[in-house]
Amino acid sequence: MFRHQRRGLVTAIGLAVLASIALLAALLQAQPQSSPVMVAKLNNFSGVSDKGSFDDALEAAIENASASAPTGRATVWKVTRISGQSGGSQSPKRVIVTVEAHW
């Protein structure tokens, strides 16, 4: 009787392992549900400050980007370039900030 119980236990464990493998195989073959990918067109906008102010140049660049946004849409932006000019005979101070934006 002991052998019969042991054989039944081995059979039950074997069936459980096979069922687990079958479930895993089914899950691996299933196609994942994915949401559509949103692709945004990125645009570049610049702002200039002839006083040498980074804040003024950044504000101007963001205003330029926001003015081009569709009505009611938020503007998402990041700074992609900062450049400027200083010194010289008349000591000009110019800062140019470029932002990449999308809506």
C-alpha atoms as a PDB file:
ATOM      1  CA  MET A   1       0.000   0.000   0.000  1.00  0.00           C
ATOM      2  CA  PHE A   2       2.890   2.359   0.679  1.00  0.00           C
ATOM      3  CA  ARG A   3       4.163   1.948  -2.904  1.00  0.00           C
ATOM      4  CA  HIS A   4       0.719   2.745  -4.264  1.00  0.00           C
ATOM      5  CA  GLN A   5       0.551   5.995  -2.262  1.00  0.00           C
ATOM      6  CA  ARG A   6       4.033   6.987  -3.355  1.00  0.00           C
ATOM      7  CA  ARG A   7       3.236   6.301  -7.014  1.00  0.00           C
ATOM      8  CA  GLY A   8       0.100   8.456  -6.735  1.00  0.00           C
ATOM      9  CA  LEU A   9       2.093  11.298  -5.178  1.00  0.00           C
ATOM     10  CA  VAL A  10       4.747  11.123  -7.907  1.00  0.00           C
ATOM     11  CA  THR A  11       2.021  11.127 -10.561  1.00  0.00           C
ATOM     12  CA  ALA A  12       0.311  14.154  -8.982  1.00  0.00           C
ATOM     13  CA  ILE A  13       3.582  16.074  -8.789  1.00  0.00           C
ATOM     14  CA  GLY A  14       4.388  15.180 -12.402  1.00  0.00           C
ATOM     15  CA  LEU A  15       0.981  16.394 -13.563  1.00  0.00           C
ATOM     16  CA  ALA A  16       1.387  19.649 -11.637  1.00  0.00           C
ATOM     17  CA  VAL A  17       4.798  20.245 -13.233  1.00  0.00           C
ATOM     18  CA  LEU A  18       3.419  19.536 -16.722  1.00  0.00           C
ATOM     19  CA  ALA A  19       0.487  21.875 -16.116  1.00  0.00           C
ATOM     20  CA  SER A  20       2.871  24.623 -14.962  1.00  0.00           C
ATOM     21  CA  ILE A  21       5.032  24.176 -18.063  1.00  0.00           C
ATOM     22  CA  ALA A  22       1.978  24.297 -20.333  1.00  0.00           C
ATOM     23  CA  LEU A  23       0.745  27.476 -18.622  1.00  0.00           C
ATOM     24  CA  LEU A  24       4.161  29.098 -18.940  1.00  0.00           C
ATOM     25  CA  ALA A  25       4.343  28.189 -22.635  1.00  0.00           C
ATOM     26  CA  ALA A  26       0.888  29.666 -23.233  1.00  0.00           C
ATOM     27  CA  LEU A  27       1.852  32.892 -21.470  1.00  0.00           C
ATOM     28  CA  LEU A  28       5.056  33.215 -23.469  1.00  0.00           C
ATOM     29  CA  GLN A  29       3.208  32.773 -26.767  1.00  0.00           C
ATOM     30  CA  ALA A  30       0.477  35.280 -25.924  1.00  0.00           C
ATOM     31  CA  GLN A  31       0.876  38.652 -27.601  1.00  0.00           C
ATOM     32  CA  PRO A  32       1.186  41.499 -25.097  1.00  0.00           C
ATOM     33  CA  GLN A  33      -1.406  44.230 -25.322  1.00  0.00           C
ATOM     34  CA  SER A  34       0.323  47.525 -25.950  1.00  0.00           C
ATOM     35  CA  SER A  35      -1.014  51.022 -26.189  1.00  0.00           C
ATOM     36  CA  PRO A  36      -0.411  52.991 -29.376  1.00  0.00           C
ATOM     37  CA  VAL A  37       2.821  54.929 -29.471  1.00  0.00           C
ATOM     38  CA  MET A  38       2.384  58.675 -29.632  1.00  0.00           C
ATOM     39  CA  VAL A  39       4.952  60.391 -31.815  1.00  0.00           C
ATOM     40  CA  ALA A  40       5.301  64.121 -31.345  1.00  0.00           C
ATOM     41  CA  LYS A  41       6.910  66.458 -33.807  1.00  0.00           C
ATOM     42  CA  LEU A  42       9.690  68.316 -32.040  1.00  0.00           C
ATOM     43  CA  ASN A  43      10.182  71.961 -32.892  1.00  0.00           C
ATOM     44  CA  ASN A  44      13.015  74.309 -31.933  1.00  0.00           C
ATOM     45  CA  PHE A  45      12.382  77.801 -30.602  1.00  0.00           C
ATOM     46  CA  SER A  46      14.927  80.405 -29.552  1.00  0.00           C
ATOM     47  CA  GLY A  47      14.880  83.404 -27.273  1.00  0.00           C
ATOM     48  CA  VAL A  48      17.462  86.191 -27.117  1.00  0.00           C
ATOM     49  CA  SER A  49      18.511  88.592 -24.385  1.00  0.00           C
ATOM     50  CA  ASP A  50      20.769  91.488 -25.327  1.00  0.00           C
ATOM     51  CA  LYS A  51      21.227  92.266 -21.615  1.00  0.00           C
ATOM     52  CA  GLY A  52      22.995  88.959 -20.990  1.00  0.00           C
ATOM     53  CA  SER A  53      20.111  87.499 -18.971  1.00  0.00           C
ATOM     54  CA  PHE A  54      19.636  83.744 -19.217  1.00  0.00           C
ATOM     55  CA  ASP A  55      16.206  84.035 -17.551  1.00  0.00           C
ATOM     56  CA  ASP A  56      14.982  86.582 -20.113  1.00  0.00           C
ATOM     57  CA  ALA A  57      16.227  84.488 -23.034  1.00  0.00           C
ATOM     58  CA  LEU A  58      14.633  81.317 -21.630  1.00  0.00           C
ATOM     59  CA  GLU A  59      11.343  83.115 -21.020  1.00  0.00           C
ATOM     60  CA  ALA A  60      11.358  84.430 -24.607  1.00  0.00           C
ATOM     61  CA  ALA A  61      12.048  80.943 -26.019  1.00  0.00           C
ATOM     62  CA  ILE A  62       9.200  79.414 -23.997  1.00  0.00           C
ATOM     63  CA  GLU A  63       6.844  82.218 -25.039  1.00  0.00           C
ATOM     64  CA  ASN A  64       7.734  81.588 -28.696  1.00  0.00           C
ATOM     65  CA  ALA A  65       7.036  77.870 -28.276  1.00  0.00           C
ATOM     66  CA  SER A  66       3.763  78.464 -26.411  1.00  0.00           C
ATOM     67  CA  ALA A  67       2.564  80.920 -29.060  1.00  0.00           C
ATOM     68  CA  SER A  68       2.845  78.152 -31.673  1.00  0.00           C
ATOM     69  CA  ALA A  69       0.994  75.565 -29.570  1.00  0.00           C
ATOM     70  CA  PRO A  70      -2.533  74.536 -30.568  1.00  0.00           C
ATOM     71  CA  THR A  71      -5.231  76.219 -28.474  1.00  0.00           C
ATOM     72  CA  GLY A  72      -5.632  74.594 -25.077  1.00  0.00           C
ATOM     73  CA  ARG A  73      -2.574  72.331 -25.354  1.00  0.00           C
ATOM     74  CA  ALA A  74       0.239  72.358 -22.828  1.00  0.00           C
ATOM     75  CA  THR A  75       3.749  72.961 -24.140  1.00  0.00           C
ATOM     76  CA  VAL A  76       6.389  70.415 -23.138  1.00  0.00           C
ATOM     77  CA  TRP A  77       9.906  71.744 -23.595  1.00  0.00           C
ATOM     78  CA  LYS A  78      13.561  71.205 -22.729  1.00  0.00           C
ATOM     79  CA  VAL A  79      16.622  73.373 -23.183  1.00  0.00           C
ATOM     80  CA  THR A  80      18.778  72.038 -26.000  1.00  0.00           C
ATOM     81  CA  ARG A  81      21.277  74.842 -26.487  1.00  0.00           C
ATOM     82  CA  ILE A  82      22.639  77.849 -24.658  1.00  0.00           C
ATOM     83  CA  SER A  83      24.993  80.203 -26.428  1.00  0.00           C
ATOM     84  CA  GLY A  84      26.084  83.782 -26.164  1.00  0.00           C
ATOM     85  CA  GLN A  85      28.535  86.529 -26.827  1.00  0.00           C
ATOM     86  CA  SER A  86      30.452  88.718 -24.408  1.00  0.00           C
ATOM     87  CA  GLY A  87      33.330  91.164 -24.481  1.00  0.00           C
ATOM     88  CA  GLY A  88      34.602  93.102 -27.458  1.00  0.00           C
ATOM     89  CA  SER A  89      35.025  96.827 -27.991  1.00  0.00           C
ATOM     90  CA  GLN A  90      31.478  97.748 -26.987  1.00  0.00           C
ATOM     91  CA  SER A  91      31.180  94.971 -24.431  1.00  0.00           C
ATOM     92  CA  PRO A  92      28.009  93.321 -25.800  1.00  0.00           C
ATOM     93  CA  LYS A  93      26.350  90.678 -23.678  1.00  0.00           C
ATOM     94  CA  ARG A  94      24.036  88.450 -25.640  1.00  0.00           C
ATOM     95  CA  VAL A  95      22.490  85.160 -24.511  1.00  0.00           C
ATOM     96  CA  ILE A  96      20.581  82.841 -26.835  1.00  0.00           C
ATOM     97  CA  VAL A  97      18.551  79.931 -25.428  1.00  0.00           C
ATOM     98  CA  THR A  98      17.033  77.282 -27.688  1.00  0.00           C
ATOM     99  CA  VAL A  99      14.314  74.938 -26.496  1.00  0.00           C
ATOM    100  CA  GLU A 100      12.890  71.843 -28.123  1.00  0.00           C
ATOM    101  CA  ALA A 101       9.115  71.775 -27.683  1.00  0.00           C
ATOM    102  CA  HIS A 102       6.094  69.641 -28.492  1.00  0.00           C
ATOM    103  CA  TRP A 103       2.405  69.668 -27.612  1.00  0.00           C
END
